[in-house]
Amino acid sequence: MFVRISEAPWSSIEDIYNSIVNHPFMKGLADGSLDIEKFRFYIVQDRMYLGRFIRRWL
């Protein structure tokens, strides 16, 4: 039987992955029901992270 090389790593993190994609924040972000204040906070935090990431790696 053929098994993909990526199957073992994915199966080892399946519970973590499911916790992430089923988190209320992620669900709200995906379906558009996320509270606007939570979204604003997320955007500010992401901008801070991306700014530091860009300065470090580019």
Protein backbone atom coordinates (compact mmCIF):
# COMPACT_ATOMS: atom_id res chain seq x y z
CA MET A 1 0.00 0.00 0.00
CA PHE A 2 1.26 3.46 -0.92
CA VAL A 3 1.65 5.96 1.94
CA ARG A 4 2.43 9.61 1.36
CA ILE A 5 5.57 10.91 3.00
CA SER A 6 3.57 13.76 4.55
CA GLU A 7 1.06 11.44 6.23
CA ALA A 8 3.12 10.73 9.36
CA PRO A 9 3.88 14.38 10.20
CA TRP A 10 0.25 15.41 9.59
CA SER A 11 -1.14 12.60 11.70
CA SER A 12 1.21 13.52 14.54
CA ILE A 13 -0.26 17.06 14.71
CA GLU A 14 -3.85 16.29 13.78
CA ASP A 15 -5.25 17.19 17.22
CA ILE A 16 -3.37 20.49 17.28
CA TYR A 17 -4.44 21.34 13.73
CA ASN A 18 -8.09 20.59 14.53
CA SER A 19 -7.90 22.74 17.66
CA ILE A 20 -6.61 25.65 15.60
CA VAL A 21 -9.12 25.44 12.74
CA ASN A 22 -12.03 24.89 15.13
CA HIS A 23 -11.12 27.75 17.48
CA PRO A 24 -13.93 30.34 17.70
CA PHE A 25 -11.59 33.13 16.56
CA MET A 26 -10.55 31.24 13.42
CA LYS A 27 -14.12 30.23 12.63
CA GLY A 28 -15.31 33.82 13.03
CA LEU A 29 -12.44 35.08 10.89
CA ALA A 30 -13.28 32.56 8.18
CA ASP A 31 -17.05 33.06 8.10
CA GLY A 32 -17.10 36.82 8.70
CA SER A 33 -18.80 36.69 12.09
CA LEU A 34 -15.76 37.78 14.13
CA ASP A 35 -16.41 40.77 16.38
CA ILE A 36 -14.91 43.90 14.79
CA GLU A 37 -12.94 44.83 17.92
CA LYS A 38 -11.32 41.40 18.03
CA PHE A 39 -10.48 41.74 14.34
CA ARG A 40 -8.93 45.19 14.88
CA PHE A 41 -6.80 43.87 17.73
CA TYR A 42 -5.67 40.98 15.53
CA ILE A 43 -4.74 43.32 12.67
CA VAL A 44 -2.69 45.60 14.96
CA GLN A 45 -0.84 42.62 16.43
CA ASP A 46 -0.25 41.11 12.99
CA ARG A 47 1.09 44.41 11.66
CA MET A 48 3.56 44.60 14.55
CA TYR A 49 4.69 41.03 13.89
CA LEU A 50 5.02 41.51 10.14
CA GLY A 51 6.94 44.76 10.57
CA ARG A 52 9.50 43.02 12.76
CA PHE A 53 9.61 40.00 10.46
CA ILE A 54 10.29 42.18 7.42
CA ARG A 55 13.04 44.16 9.17
CA ARG A 56 14.68 40.92 10.24
CA TRP A 57 14.53 38.94 7.02
CA LEU A 58 14.46 41.46 4.18
